[in-house]
């Protein structure tokens, strides 16, 4: 499994919301990303498998980043980062 640009975008949103003290929910991430909840849910599950977030899907507002912010500009032209 790898960290795609789409997953990185979701991760950056999670870290931004969390760093500003906002409650991070699937809905808040979906609204910030401009996508539907199901798409965000799948990406959050992948990020959890990669160990980049902690999250208990059955408990509200438990999404937390476990990593440091990585600006997308640092990735250059690569399509993905392999974990």
Protein backbone atom coordinates (compact mmCIF):
# COMPACT_ATOMS: atom_id res chain seq x y z
CA UNK A 1 0.00 0.00 0.00
CA UNK A 2 1.32 3.47 -0.77
CA UNK A 3 0.65 7.10 0.04
CA UNK A 4 -1.01 8.48 -3.08
CA UNK A 5 -1.56 12.17 -3.77
CA UNK A 6 -5.26 11.77 -2.85
CA UNK A 7 -4.41 10.12 0.48
CA UNK A 8 -1.76 12.74 1.18
CA UNK A 9 -4.35 15.47 0.58
CA UNK A 10 -6.68 13.84 3.13
CA UNK A 11 -3.80 13.43 5.60
CA UNK A 12 -2.85 17.09 5.23
CA UNK A 13 -6.47 18.11 5.91
CA UNK A 14 -6.55 15.93 9.04
CA UNK A 15 -3.30 17.47 10.29
CA UNK A 16 -4.42 21.01 9.51
CA UNK A 17 -7.78 20.63 11.28
CA UNK A 18 -6.16 18.93 14.25
CA UNK A 19 -3.37 21.52 14.56
CA UNK A 20 -5.97 24.32 14.67
CA UNK A 21 -7.92 22.59 17.43
CA UNK A 22 -10.90 21.53 15.34
CA UNK A 23 -12.69 18.25 15.93
CA UNK A 24 -11.67 15.95 13.08
CA UNK A 25 -14.56 13.90 11.75
CA UNK A 26 -15.15 12.09 8.47
CA UNK A 27 -17.71 14.77 7.59
CA UNK A 28 -15.37 17.69 8.36
CA UNK A 29 -12.61 16.14 6.25
CA UNK A 30 -15.04 15.46 3.38
CA UNK A 31 -16.30 19.05 3.48
CA UNK A 32 -12.76 20.45 3.53
CA UNK A 33 -11.78 18.20 0.61
CA UNK A 34 -14.95 18.82 -1.38
CA UNK A 35 -15.67 15.11 -1.80
CA UNK A 36 -18.22 12.64 -0.51
CA UNK A 37 -18.01 10.90 2.85
CA UNK A 38 -17.57 7.39 1.38
CA UNK A 39 -14.49 8.44 -0.59
CA UNK A 40 -12.93 10.05 2.51
CA UNK A 41 -13.84 7.02 4.64
CA UNK A 42 -11.89 4.70 2.28
CA UNK A 43 -8.87 6.99 2.29
CA UNK A 44 -8.94 7.29 6.10
CA UNK A 45 -8.99 3.49 6.38
CA UNK A 46 -5.90 3.33 4.16
CA UNK A 47 -4.13 6.02 6.20
CA UNK A 48 -4.89 4.07 9.37
CA UNK A 49 -3.42 0.90 7.81
CA UNK A 50 -0.29 2.88 6.93
CA UNK A 51 -0.06 4.03 10.56
CA UNK A 52 -0.37 7.71 9.66
CA UNK A 53 -3.54 8.29 11.70
CA UNK A 54 -5.33 6.73 14.63
CA UNK A 55 -9.08 6.36 14.33
CA UNK A 56 -11.90 4.39 15.88
CA UNK A 57 -14.60 4.43 13.16
CA UNK A 58 -17.35 3.47 15.60
CA UNK A 59 -16.57 6.38 17.95
CA UNK A 60 -17.18 9.98 16.87
CA UNK A 61 -14.32 12.46 16.47
CA UNK A 62 -11.41 10.08 17.11
CA UNK A 63 -9.31 10.86 14.01
CA UNK A 64 -5.80 11.94 15.02
CA UNK A 65 -2.61 12.28 12.95
CA UNK A 66 0.42 10.26 14.06
CA UNK A 67 2.92 11.99 11.79
CA UNK A 68 4.46 15.35 10.94
CA UNK A 69 3.02 17.69 8.29
CA UNK A 70 4.46 17.07 4.79
CA UNK A 71 3.83 19.93 2.34
CA UNK A 72 2.69 18.59 -1.04
CA UNK A 73 5.35 20.77 -2.70
CA UNK A 74 8.03 18.56 -1.12
CA UNK A 75 6.87 15.60 -3.18
CA UNK A 76 7.94 17.02 -6.52
CA UNK A 77 6.55 15.20 -9.55
CA UNK A 78 6.22 11.79 -7.91
CA UNK A 79 2.78 10.19 -8.02
CA UNK A 80 3.16 8.30 -4.76
CA UNK A 81 5.36 7.68 -1.76
CA UNK A 82 5.80 3.98 -0.99
CA UNK A 83 5.38 3.07 2.66
